[in-house]
Amino acid sequence: MKITKQRIRNLGNYLAGLNNNDDFYIALTDLSDTNRLQQVGFSPQINVGEQILPSILGSKSRFNANGGFIIHRDQPKQTVYRQADIKDWHGNYHTVDIPYKRYPRTSIPAPELELTVVNGGNNQKIIRSPQFTKGVTSDDEIIQAINLFLELFSECDTLHANLVPVFNVPVTILNWDMLPPGSYPWNILQNNVQRAIGNVQPNRRRIIERRLETISNHNPNFVAVGNAGFRGYIVFGFPNKNFFILESIHQGNATYVFGQNWQQLSQLTKEQILNQSLQQQRIIHRQGWINQINNLF
């Protein structure tokens, strides 16, 4: 997906279209601003195969090239020295060490992330980062790469290992009907799940609706209603929390909490979803269910 913010503080949903252990790149796909590309350090021709440590154009690229340090203000100051040239009475310059006090510092190594021009297909050149792996590469490293691109180019994309863009949109599969993006308080969601509830008897319907209302009160990012063989199942997506709740209206069933993202979950069969121990939690429909759901958040 394309990112156009000035900077990001956390990954949030920016990798939501990727599964754990998927390889990906941070990349620039629009190379039309050749002046900016030359400021960053690329040649005017922007040849495939060029690889550079970006020029220092701001704080992110400075840290990328030079690293940084942590100042320990809770510790006593130390005497350190800086060099300076002074002129003596004869007009000659001499380099001397000048002592001064400062708090101790711990150096942070420079990431030295290099950018490479590659052929992205259809004779389109792109500029990409080194390869990252979701769930393996640290969030800090990925955030630094994204913010470096944003500082240098004001935008970036996430690309799969095959350089196809990662789209942060739910996959449309006929087993599930995705409700349009938006806020779904219970009074709105209730009208959208009637098909899943079907002709359930009124006393049981109230129990089902209370469960669905409890989950919807936590403001899911998306809701999907089961279709065909998945009828009677409803998925509440909370990618910011890194889990997805699969709720069943069937008697004697349970609520399943998964850590997989929606794209992967939606491609599984019902048997795989329910029988292969893929869940983080299985919350049985009995007393204490509401507390267990609320404790997830």
C-alpha atoms as a PDB file:
ATOM      1  CA  MET A   1       0.000   0.000   0.000  1.00  0.00           C
ATOM      2  CA  LYS A   2       1.093   3.566  -0.600  1.00  0.00           C
ATOM      3  CA  ILE A   3       2.111   5.659   2.407  1.00  0.00           C
ATOM      4  CA  THR A   4       2.138   9.438   2.083  1.00  0.00           C
ATOM      5  CA  LYS A   5       2.441  10.714   5.656  1.00  0.00           C
ATOM      6  CA  GLN A   6       5.332  12.860   6.868  1.00  0.00           C
ATOM      7  CA  ARG A   7       6.328  10.016   9.176  1.00  0.00           C
ATOM      8  CA  ILE A   8       4.835   7.084  11.043  1.00  0.00           C
ATOM      9  CA  ARG A   9       5.232   6.162  14.723  1.00  0.00           C
ATOM     10  CA  ASN A  10       4.114   2.526  14.525  1.00  0.00           C
ATOM     11  CA  LEU A  11       3.327  -0.015  11.838  1.00  0.00           C
ATOM     12  CA  GLY A  12      -0.417  -0.090  12.546  1.00  0.00           C
ATOM     13  CA  ASN A  13      -2.101  -1.492   9.430  1.00  0.00           C
ATOM     14  CA  TYR A  14       0.710  -0.713   6.996  1.00  0.00           C
ATOM     15  CA  LEU A  15       1.661  -4.395   6.693  1.00  0.00           C
ATOM     16  CA  ALA A  16      -1.863  -5.768   6.995  1.00  0.00           C
ATOM     17  CA  GLY A  17      -1.751  -7.305   3.509  1.00  0.00           C
ATOM     18  CA  LEU A  18       1.213  -9.506   4.452  1.00  0.00           C
ATOM     19  CA  ASN A  19       1.343 -12.805   6.306  1.00  0.00           C
ATOM     20  CA  ASN A  20       3.955 -13.559   8.944  1.00  0.00           C
ATOM     21  CA  ASN A  21       7.237 -14.717   7.335  1.00  0.00           C
ATOM     22  CA  ASP A  22       6.347 -12.988   4.040  1.00  0.00           C
ATOM     23  CA  ASP A  23       9.301 -11.163   2.475  1.00  0.00           C
ATOM     24  CA  PHE A  24       8.683  -7.618   1.285  1.00  0.00           C
ATOM     25  CA  TYR A  25      10.315  -4.314   0.321  1.00  0.00           C
ATOM     26  CA  ILE A  26       9.739  -0.660   1.029  1.00  0.00           C
ATOM     27  CA  ALA A  27       9.929   1.043  -2.348  1.00  0.00           C
ATOM     28  CA  LEU A  28       9.421   4.151  -4.458  1.00  0.00           C
ATOM     29  CA  THR A  29       7.494   3.371  -7.645  1.00  0.00           C
ATOM     30  CA  ASP A  30       7.159   6.903  -9.055  1.00  0.00           C
ATOM     31  CA  LEU A  31      10.587   8.071 -10.285  1.00  0.00           C
ATOM     32  CA  SER A  32       9.344  11.152 -12.137  1.00  0.00           C
ATOM     33  CA  ASP A  33      11.026  13.695  -9.828  1.00  0.00           C
ATOM     34  CA  THR A  34      14.533  13.293 -11.240  1.00  0.00           C
ATOM     35  CA  ASN A  35      15.838  16.415  -9.480  1.00  0.00           C
ATOM     36  CA  ARG A  36      14.955  14.963  -6.104  1.00  0.00           C
ATOM     37  CA  LEU A  37      16.452  11.603  -7.041  1.00  0.00           C
ATOM     38  CA  GLN A  38      19.748  13.317  -7.862  1.00  0.00           C
ATOM     39  CA  GLN A  39      19.651  15.150  -4.526  1.00  0.00           C
ATOM     40  CA  VAL A  40      19.274  11.769  -2.852  1.00  0.00           C
ATOM     41  CA  GLY A  41      22.368  10.574  -4.714  1.00  0.00           C
ATOM     42  CA  PHE A  42      21.260   8.748  -7.854  1.00  0.00           C
ATOM     43  CA  SER A  43      22.693   9.483 -11.292  1.00  0.00           C
ATOM     44  CA  PRO A  44      20.675  11.515 -13.835  1.00  0.00           C
ATOM     45  CA  GLN A  45      20.101   8.300 -15.808  1.00  0.00           C
ATOM     46  CA  ILE A  46      18.834   6.337 -12.768  1.00  0.00           C
ATOM     47  CA  ASN A  47      20.306   3.119 -14.128  1.00  0.00           C
ATOM     48  CA  VAL A  48      19.107  -0.283 -13.007  1.00  0.00           C
ATOM     49  CA  GLY A  49      21.636  -1.643 -10.539  1.00  0.00           C
ATOM     50  CA  GLU A  50      22.574   1.667  -8.901  1.00  0.00           C
ATOM     51  CA  GLN A  51      22.855   1.266  -5.137  1.00  0.00           C
ATOM     52  CA  ILE A  52      23.511   4.175  -2.789  1.00  0.00           C
ATOM     53  CA  LEU A  53      23.631   5.228   0.801  1.00  0.00           C
ATOM     54  CA  PRO A  54      21.218   8.198   0.577  1.00  0.00           C
ATOM     55  CA  SER A  55      22.493  11.749   0.986  1.00  0.00           C
ATOM     56  CA  ILE A  56      21.753  13.488   4.262  1.00  0.00           C
ATOM     57  CA  LEU A  57      18.635  15.570   3.656  1.00  0.00           C
ATOM     58  CA  GLY A  58      17.110  15.511   7.142  1.00  0.00           C
ATOM     59  CA  SER A  59      17.146  13.831  10.518  1.00  0.00           C
ATOM     60  CA  LYS A  60      16.162  10.350   9.249  1.00  0.00           C
ATOM     61  CA  SER A  61      18.796  10.222   6.524  1.00  0.00           C
ATOM     62  CA  ARG A  62      21.365  11.681   8.953  1.00  0.00           C
ATOM     63  CA  PHE A  63      20.654   8.905  11.429  1.00  0.00           C
ATOM     64  CA  ASN A  64      20.751   6.352   8.611  1.00  0.00           C
ATOM     65  CA  ALA A  65      24.226   7.509   7.591  1.00  0.00           C
ATOM     66  CA  ASN A  66      25.772   8.522  10.914  1.00  0.00           C
ATOM     67  CA  GLY A  67      23.782   6.796  13.647  1.00  0.00           C
ATOM     68  CA  GLY A  68      22.968   8.579  16.875  1.00  0.00           C
ATOM     69  CA  PHE A  69      23.310   8.355  20.618  1.00  0.00           C
ATOM     70  CA  ILE A  70      21.337   8.125  23.819  1.00  0.00           C
ATOM     71  CA  ILE A  71      22.029  10.865  26.389  1.00  0.00           C
ATOM     72  CA  HIS A  72      21.987   9.584  29.977  1.00  0.00           C
ATOM     73  CA  ARG A  73      20.767  12.652  31.859  1.00  0.00           C
ATOM     74  CA  ASP A  74      20.274  10.587  35.001  1.00  0.00           C
ATOM     75  CA  GLN A  75      24.040  10.105  35.359  1.00  0.00           C
ATOM     76  CA  PRO A  76      26.794  12.532  36.467  1.00  0.00           C
ATOM     77  CA  LYS A  77      28.412  14.619  33.758  1.00  0.00           C
ATOM     78  CA  GLN A  78      31.801  13.574  32.435  1.00  0.00           C
ATOM     79  CA  THR A  79      34.757  15.561  31.160  1.00  0.00           C
ATOM     80  CA  VAL A  80      35.242  15.184  27.427  1.00  0.00           C
ATOM     81  CA  TYR A  81      37.298  17.095  24.879  1.00  0.00           C
ATOM     82  CA  ARG A  82      36.744  18.799  21.577  1.00  0.00           C
ATOM     83  CA  GLN A  83      39.460  20.080  19.303  1.00  0.00           C
ATOM     84  CA  ALA A  84      39.784  23.658  18.147  1.00  0.00           C
ATOM     85  CA  ASP A  85      42.350  25.800  16.334  1.00  0.00           C
ATOM     86  CA  ILE A  86      43.714  28.808  18.254  1.00  0.00           C
ATOM     87  CA  LYS A  87      46.076  31.501  17.068  1.00  0.00           C
ATOM     88  CA  ASP A  88      49.154  32.317  19.088  1.00  0.00           C
ATOM     89  CA  TRP A  89      50.824  35.698  19.495  1.00  0.00           C
ATOM     90  CA  HIS A  90      52.794  35.151  16.305  1.00  0.00           C
ATOM     91  CA  GLY A  91      49.702  34.544  14.206  1.00  0.00           C
ATOM     92  CA  ASN A  92      50.210  30.779  13.933  1.00  0.00           C
ATOM     93  CA  TYR A  93      47.363  28.313  14.472  1.00  0.00           C
ATOM     94  CA  HIS A  94      47.621  25.329  16.810  1.00  0.00           C
ATOM     95  CA  THR A  95      45.143  22.509  17.395  1.00  0.00           C
ATOM     96  CA  VAL A  96      44.309  22.118  21.065  1.00  0.00           C
ATOM     97  CA  ASP A  97      41.961  19.939  23.135  1.00  0.00           C
ATOM     98  CA  ILE A  98      39.329  21.935  25.002  1.00  0.00           C
ATOM     99  CA  PRO A  99      37.715  20.147  27.967  1.00  0.00           C
ATOM    100  CA  TYR A 100      34.007  20.475  28.757  1.00  0.00           C
ATOM    101  CA  LYS A 101      31.354  18.647  30.767  1.00  0.00           C
ATOM    102  CA  ARG A 102      28.492  16.633  29.267  1.00  0.00           C
ATOM    103  CA  TYR A 103      26.219  13.751  30.201  1.00  0.00           C
ATOM    104  CA  PRO A 104      27.408  10.242  29.247  1.00  0.00           C
ATOM    105  CA  ARG A 105      26.253   8.969  25.889  1.00  0.00           C
ATOM    106  CA  THR A 106      25.705   5.552  24.365  1.00  0.00           C
ATOM    107  CA  SER A 107      26.248   5.375  20.623  1.00  0.00           C
ATOM    108  CA  ILE A 108      23.582   3.913  18.337  1.00  0.00           C
ATOM    109  CA  PRO A 109      25.112   2.362  15.195  1.00  0.00           C
ATOM    110  CA  ALA A 110      24.005   3.788  11.857  1.00  0.00           C
ATOM    111  CA  PRO A 111      21.545   1.507  10.019  1.00  0.00           C
ATOM    112  CA  GLU A 112      23.293   2.383   6.720  1.00  0.00           C
ATOM    113  CA  LEU A 113      20.239   1.270   4.753  1.00  0.00           C
ATOM    114  CA  GLU A 114      21.066   1.442   1.040  1.00  0.00           C
ATOM    115  CA  LEU A 115      18.592   1.995  -1.792  1.00  0.00           C
ATOM    116  CA  THR A 116      18.738   0.074  -5.068  1.00  0.00           C
ATOM    117  CA  VAL A 117      17.300   0.767  -8.519  1.00  0.00           C
ATOM    118  CA  VAL A 118      15.683  -2.381  -9.952  1.00  0.00           C
ATOM    119  CA  ASN A 119      13.380  -3.257 -12.811  1.00  0.00           C
ATOM    120  CA  GLY A 120       9.888  -3.617 -11.420  1.00  0.00           C
ATOM    121  CA  GLY A 121       8.402  -5.039 -14.611  1.00  0.00           C
ATOM    122  CA  ASN A 122       6.818  -3.437 -17.685  1.00  0.00           C
ATOM    123  CA  ASN A 123      10.086  -1.521 -18.159  1.00  0.00           C
ATOM    124  CA  GLN A 124       9.301   0.435 -15.000  1.00  0.00           C
ATOM    125  CA  LYS A 125      12.193   1.224 -12.719  1.00  0.00           C
ATOM    126  CA  ILE A 126      11.638   1.328  -8.979  1.00  0.00           C
ATOM    127  CA  ILE A 127      13.832   2.114  -5.985  1.00  0.00           C
ATOM    128  CA  ARG A 128      13.662  -0.419  -3.195  1.00  0.00           C
ATOM    129  CA  SER A 129      15.042  -1.066   0.270  1.00  0.00           C
ATOM    130  CA  PRO A 130      16.775  -4.263   1.341  1.00  0.00           C
ATOM    131  CA  GLN A 131      14.406  -7.175   1.827  1.00  0.00           C
ATOM    132  CA  PHE A 132      12.460  -7.390   5.087  1.00  0.00           C
ATOM    133  CA  THR A 133      10.422 -10.257   6.547  1.00  0.00           C
ATOM    134  CA  LYS A 134       7.187  -9.678   8.423  1.00  0.00           C
ATOM    135  CA  GLY A 135       7.368 -11.071  11.938  1.00  0.00           C
ATOM    136  CA  VAL A 136      11.150 -11.513  11.696  1.00  0.00           C
ATOM    137  CA  THR A 137      12.528  -8.067  10.908  1.00  0.00           C
ATOM    138  CA  SER A 138      12.056  -5.787  13.915  1.00  0.00           C
ATOM    139  CA  ASP A 139       9.285  -3.202  13.788  1.00  0.00           C
ATOM    140  CA  ASP A 140      11.841  -0.473  14.562  1.00  0.00           C
ATOM    141  CA  GLU A 141      13.904  -1.388  11.512  1.00  0.00           C
ATOM    142  CA  ILE A 142      10.864  -1.340   9.223  1.00  0.00           C
ATOM    143  CA  ILE A 143       9.602   1.957  10.687  1.00  0.00           C
ATOM    144  CA  GLN A 144      13.044   3.518  10.166  1.00  0.00           C
ATOM    145  CA  ALA A 145      13.022   2.410   6.528  1.00  0.00           C
ATOM    146  CA  ILE A 146       9.533   3.794   5.915  1.00  0.00           C
ATOM    147  CA  ASN A 147      10.381   7.111   7.567  1.00  0.00           C
ATOM    148  CA  LEU A 148      13.595   7.338   5.546  1.00  0.00           C
ATOM    149  CA  PHE A 149      11.600   6.982   2.314  1.00  0.00           C
ATOM    150  CA  LEU A 150       9.032   9.512   3.516  1.00  0.00           C
ATOM    151  CA  GLU A 151      11.761  12.046   4.299  1.00  0.00           C
ATOM    152  CA  LEU A 152      13.528  11.503   0.973  1.00  0.00           C
ATOM    153  CA  PHE A 153      10.551  11.119  -1.368  1.00  0.00           C
ATOM    154  CA  SER A 154       7.381  12.073   0.613  1.00  0.00           C
ATOM    155  CA  GLU A 155       5.871   8.664  -0.209  1.00  0.00           C
ATOM    156  CA  CYS A 156       6.606   4.955  -0.404  1.00  0.00           C
ATOM    157  CA  ASP A 157       4.944   1.639  -1.161  1.00  0.00           C
ATOM    158  CA  THR A 158       5.106  -1.817   0.352  1.00  0.00           C
ATOM    159  CA  LEU A 159       5.862  -4.486  -2.248  1.00  0.00           C
ATOM    160  CA  HIS A 160       5.792  -8.266  -2.070  1.00  0.00           C
ATOM    161  CA  ALA A 161       9.043 -10.134  -2.741  1.00  0.00           C
ATOM    162  CA  ASN A 162       7.994 -10.371  -6.414  1.00  0.00           C
ATOM    163  CA  LEU A 163       7.634  -6.544  -6.433  1.00  0.00           C
ATOM    164  CA  VAL A 164       3.832  -6.668  -6.696  1.00  0.00           C
ATOM    165  CA  PRO A 165       2.205  -3.985  -4.495  1.00  0.00           C
ATOM    166  CA  VAL A 166       0.762  -5.044  -1.144  1.00  0.00           C
ATOM    167  CA  PHE A 167      -2.831  -3.898  -0.934  1.00  0.00           C
ATOM    168  CA  ASN A 168      -4.250  -3.181   2.503  1.00  0.00           C
ATOM    169  CA  VAL A 169      -7.753  -4.212   1.511  1.00  0.00           C
ATOM    170  CA  PRO A 170      -9.648  -7.355   2.458  1.00  0.00           C
ATOM    171  CA  VAL A 171      -9.632 -10.173  -0.083  1.00  0.00           C
ATOM    172  CA  THR A 172     -13.024 -10.681  -1.708  1.00  0.00           C
ATOM    173  CA  ILE A 173     -13.882 -14.358  -1.370  1.00  0.00           C
ATOM    174  CA  LEU A 174     -17.401 -15.640  -1.821  1.00  0.00           C
ATOM    175  CA  ASN A 175     -17.288 -17.530   1.469  1.00  0.00           C
ATOM    176  CA  TRP A 176     -17.542 -14.131   3.158  1.00  0.00           C
ATOM    177  CA  ASP A 177     -19.509 -10.957   2.511  1.00  0.00           C
ATOM    178  CA  MET A 178     -17.451  -7.947   3.534  1.00  0.00           C
ATOM    179  CA  LEU A 179     -19.467  -5.078   4.921  1.00  0.00           C
ATOM    180  CA  PRO A 180     -18.446  -1.640   3.606  1.00  0.00           C
ATOM    181  CA  PRO A 181     -15.682   0.049   5.657  1.00  0.00           C
ATOM    182  CA  GLY A 182     -16.985   2.282   8.392  1.00  0.00           C
ATOM    183  CA  SER A 183     -18.143   2.400  11.977  1.00  0.00           C
ATOM    184  CA  TYR A 184     -20.532  -0.365  13.024  1.00  0.00           C
ATOM    185  CA  PRO A 185     -22.189   0.341  16.343  1.00  0.00           C
ATOM    186  CA  TRP A 186     -24.629  -2.401  17.217  1.00  0.00           C
ATOM    187  CA  ASN A 187     -27.735  -0.557  16.034  1.00  0.00           C
ATOM    188  CA  ILE A 188     -26.202  -0.481  12.528  1.00  0.00           C
ATOM    189  CA  LEU A 189     -24.473  -3.857  12.567  1.00  0.00           C
ATOM    190  CA  GLN A 190     -27.636  -5.596  13.767  1.00  0.00           C
ATOM    191  CA  ASN A 191     -29.344  -5.017  10.428  1.00  0.00           C
ATOM    192  CA  ASN A 192     -26.368  -6.456   8.533  1.00  0.00           C
ATOM    193  CA  VAL A 193     -26.175  -9.785  10.347  1.00  0.00           C
ATOM    194  CA  GLN A 194     -29.797 -10.854  10.156  1.00  0.00           C
ATOM    195  CA  ARG A 195     -29.033 -13.291   7.359  1.00  0.00           C
ATOM    196  CA  ALA A 196     -26.409 -15.011   9.490  1.00  0.00           C
ATOM    197  CA  ILE A 197     -28.766 -15.233  12.455  1.00  0.00           C
ATOM    198  CA  GLY A 198     -31.519 -16.563  10.220  1.00  0.00           C
ATOM    199  CA  ASN A 199     -34.640 -18.029  11.777  1.00  0.00           C
ATOM    200  CA  VAL A 200     -33.202 -18.546  15.247  1.00  0.00           C
ATOM    201  CA  GLN A 201     -35.817 -18.686  17.995  1.00  0.00           C
ATOM    202  CA  PRO A 202     -36.318 -15.364  19.852  1.00  0.00           C
ATOM    203  CA  ASN A 203     -34.899 -16.502  23.220  1.00  0.00           C
ATOM    204  CA  ARG A 204     -31.699 -17.777  21.583  1.00  0.00           C
ATOM    205  CA  ARG A 205     -31.549 -14.773  19.228  1.00  0.00           C
ATOM    206  CA  ARG A 206     -31.227 -12.439  22.231  1.00  0.00           C
ATOM    207  CA  ILE A 207     -28.210 -14.402  23.489  1.00  0.00           C
ATOM    208  CA  ILE A 208     -26.552 -14.330  20.066  1.00  0.00           C
ATOM    209  CA  GLU A 209     -27.187 -10.623  19.614  1.00  0.00           C
ATOM    210  CA  ARG A 210     -25.709  -9.838  23.043  1.00  0.00           C
ATOM    211  CA  ARG A 211     -22.522 -11.655  22.065  1.00  0.00           C
ATOM    212  CA  LEU A 212     -22.262  -9.853  18.730  1.00  0.00           C
ATOM    213  CA  GLU A 213     -22.987  -6.512  20.379  1.00  0.00           C
ATOM    214  CA  THR A 214     -20.268  -7.124  22.987  1.00  0.00           C
ATOM    215  CA  ILE A 215     -17.668  -7.657  20.251  1.00  0.00           C
ATOM    216  CA  SER A 216     -18.895  -4.814  18.014  1.00  0.00           C
ATOM    217  CA  ASN A 217     -18.656  -2.375  20.948  1.00  0.00           C
ATOM    218  CA  HIS A 218     -14.853  -2.687  20.629  1.00  0.00           C
ATOM    219  CA  ASN A 219     -14.968  -0.999  17.182  1.00  0.00           C
ATOM    220  CA  PRO A 220     -13.650  -3.630  14.753  1.00  0.00           C
ATOM    221  CA  ASN A 221     -11.813  -2.442  11.644  1.00  0.00           C
ATOM    222  CA  PHE A 222     -14.003  -4.637   9.482  1.00  0.00           C
ATOM    223  CA  VAL A 223     -16.829  -7.164   9.720  1.00  0.00           C
ATOM    224  CA  ALA A 224     -17.451 -10.118   7.410  1.00  0.00           C
ATOM    225  CA  VAL A 225     -20.550 -12.304   7.385  1.00  0.00           C
ATOM    226  CA  GLY A 226     -20.243 -15.964   6.409  1.00  0.00           C
ATOM    227  CA  ASN A 227     -21.815 -17.140   3.179  1.00  0.00           C
ATOM    228  CA  ALA A 228     -22.610 -20.564   1.725  1.00  0.00           C
ATOM    229  CA  GLY A 229     -20.976 -23.244   3.910  1.00  0.00           C
ATOM    230  CA  PHE A 230     -19.796 -20.534   6.292  1.00  0.00           C
ATOM    231  CA  ARG A 231     -23.316 -19.312   7.003  1.00  0.00           C
ATOM    232  CA  GLY A 232     -23.746 -18.634  10.708  1.00  0.00           C
ATOM    233  CA  TYR A 233     -20.184 -17.344  11.190  1.00  0.00           C
ATOM    234  CA  ILE A 234     -19.159 -13.711  11.576  1.00  0.00           C
ATOM    235  CA  VAL A 235     -15.600 -12.357  11.572  1.00  0.00           C
ATOM    236  CA  PHE A 236     -14.654  -9.199  13.478  1.00  0.00           C
ATOM    237  CA  GLY A 237     -11.273  -7.858  12.403  1.00  0.00           C
ATOM    238  CA  PHE A 238      -8.956  -6.044  14.812  1.00  0.00           C
ATOM    239  CA  PRO A 239      -5.655  -5.816  12.847  1.00  0.00           C
ATOM    240  CA  ASN A 240      -4.376  -3.074  15.167  1.00  0.00           C
ATOM    241  CA  LYS A 241      -4.636  -5.615  17.991  1.00  0.00           C
ATOM    242  CA  ASN A 242      -3.232  -8.358  15.740  1.00  0.00           C
ATOM    243  CA  PHE A 243      -6.187 -10.636  16.262  1.00  0.00           C
ATOM    244  CA  PHE A 244      -9.460 -11.590  14.568  1.00  0.00           C
ATOM    245  CA  ILE A 245     -12.548 -12.941  16.293  1.00  0.00           C
ATOM    246  CA  LEU A 246     -14.624 -15.636  14.621  1.00  0.00           C
ATOM    247  CA  GLU A 247     -18.035 -15.856  16.258  1.00  0.00           C
ATOM    248  CA  SER A 248     -20.540 -18.620  15.617  1.00  0.00           C
ATOM    249  CA  ILE A 249     -24.287 -18.502  16.157  1.00  0.00           C
ATOM    250  CA  HIS A 250     -24.556 -22.290  16.257  1.00  0.00           C
ATOM    251  CA  GLN A 251     -25.640 -24.058  19.409  1.00  0.00           C
ATOM    252  CA  GLY A 252     -22.847 -25.617  21.470  1.00  0.00           C
ATOM    253  CA  ASN A 253     -20.086 -23.759  19.635  1.00  0.00           C
ATOM    254  CA  ALA A 254     -17.395 -21.337  20.797  1.00  0.00           C
ATOM    255  CA  THR A 255     -15.672 -18.077  19.924  1.00  0.00           C
ATOM    256  CA  TYR A 256     -12.277 -18.396  18.221  1.00  0.00           C
ATOM    257  CA  VAL A 257      -9.525 -15.789  18.413  1.00  0.00           C
ATOM    258  CA  PHE A 258      -6.907 -15.979  15.666  1.00  0.00           C
ATOM    259  CA  GLY A 259      -3.554 -14.262  15.255  1.00  0.00           C
ATOM    260  CA  GLN A 260      -3.448 -14.762  11.479  1.00  0.00           C
ATOM    261  CA  ASN A 261      -4.401 -11.835   9.294  1.00  0.00           C
ATOM    262  CA  TRP A 262      -7.704 -11.698   7.493  1.00  0.00           C
ATOM    263  CA  GLN A 263      -6.279 -12.529   4.072  1.00  0.00           C
ATOM    264  CA  GLN A 264      -4.897 -15.833   5.305  1.00  0.00           C
ATOM    265  CA  LEU A 265      -7.927 -16.630   7.465  1.00  0.00           C
ATOM    266  CA  SER A 266     -10.366 -16.014   4.625  1.00  0.00           C
ATOM    267  CA  GLN A 267      -8.603 -18.557   2.411  1.00  0.00           C
ATOM    268  CA  LEU A 268      -8.923 -21.407   4.893  1.00  0.00           C
ATOM    269  CA  THR A 269     -11.731 -23.931   4.843  1.00  0.00           C
ATOM    270  CA  LYS A 270     -14.144 -24.153   7.736  1.00  0.00           C
ATOM    271  CA  GLU A 271     -12.542 -27.449   8.744  1.00  0.00           C
ATOM    272  CA  GLN A 272      -9.090 -25.835   8.838  1.00  0.00           C
ATOM    273  CA  ILE A 273     -10.373 -22.864  10.807  1.00  0.00           C
ATOM    274  CA  LEU A 274     -12.102 -24.952  13.459  1.00  0.00           C
ATOM    275  CA  ASN A 275     -10.122 -28.194  13.647  1.00  0.00           C
ATOM    276  CA  GLN A 276      -6.405 -27.427  13.166  1.00  0.00           C
ATOM    277  CA  SER A 277      -5.727 -25.611  16.463  1.00  0.00           C
ATOM    278  CA  LEU A 278      -4.898 -22.378  14.650  1.00  0.00           C
ATOM    279  CA  GLN A 279      -6.584 -20.231  17.249  1.00  0.00           C
ATOM    280  CA  GLN A 280      -4.900 -18.174  19.923  1.00  0.00           C
ATOM    281  CA  GLN A 281      -7.877 -18.752  22.167  1.00  0.00           C
ATOM    282  CA  ARG A 282     -11.131 -20.722  22.198  1.00  0.00           C
ATOM    283  CA  ILE A 283     -13.755 -19.088  24.392  1.00  0.00           C
ATOM    284  CA  ILE A 284     -16.665 -21.378  25.185  1.00  0.00           C
ATOM    285  CA  HIS A 285     -20.196 -19.954  25.217  1.00  0.00           C
ATOM    286  CA  ARG A 286     -20.951 -20.023  28.920  1.00  0.00           C
ATOM    287  CA  GLN A 287     -20.879 -17.770  31.971  1.00  0.00           C
ATOM    288  CA  GLY A 288     -17.796 -15.540  31.998  1.00  0.00           C
ATOM    289  CA  TRP A 289     -17.727 -15.284  28.194  1.00  0.00           C
ATOM    290  CA  ILE A 290     -18.230 -11.490  28.199  1.00  0.00           C
ATOM    291  CA  ASN A 291     -15.403 -10.930  30.679  1.00  0.00           C
ATOM    292  CA  GLN A 292     -13.057 -13.094  28.619  1.00  0.00           C
ATOM    293  CA  ILE A 293     -13.885 -11.136  25.456  1.00  0.00           C
ATOM    294  CA  ASN A 294     -13.414  -7.788  27.181  1.00  0.00           C
ATOM    295  CA  ASN A 295     -10.099  -8.985  28.616  1.00  0.00           C
ATOM    296  CA  LEU A 296      -8.796  -9.407  25.053  1.00  0.00           C
ATOM    297  CA  PHE A 297      -8.824  -5.621  24.726  1.00  0.00           C
END
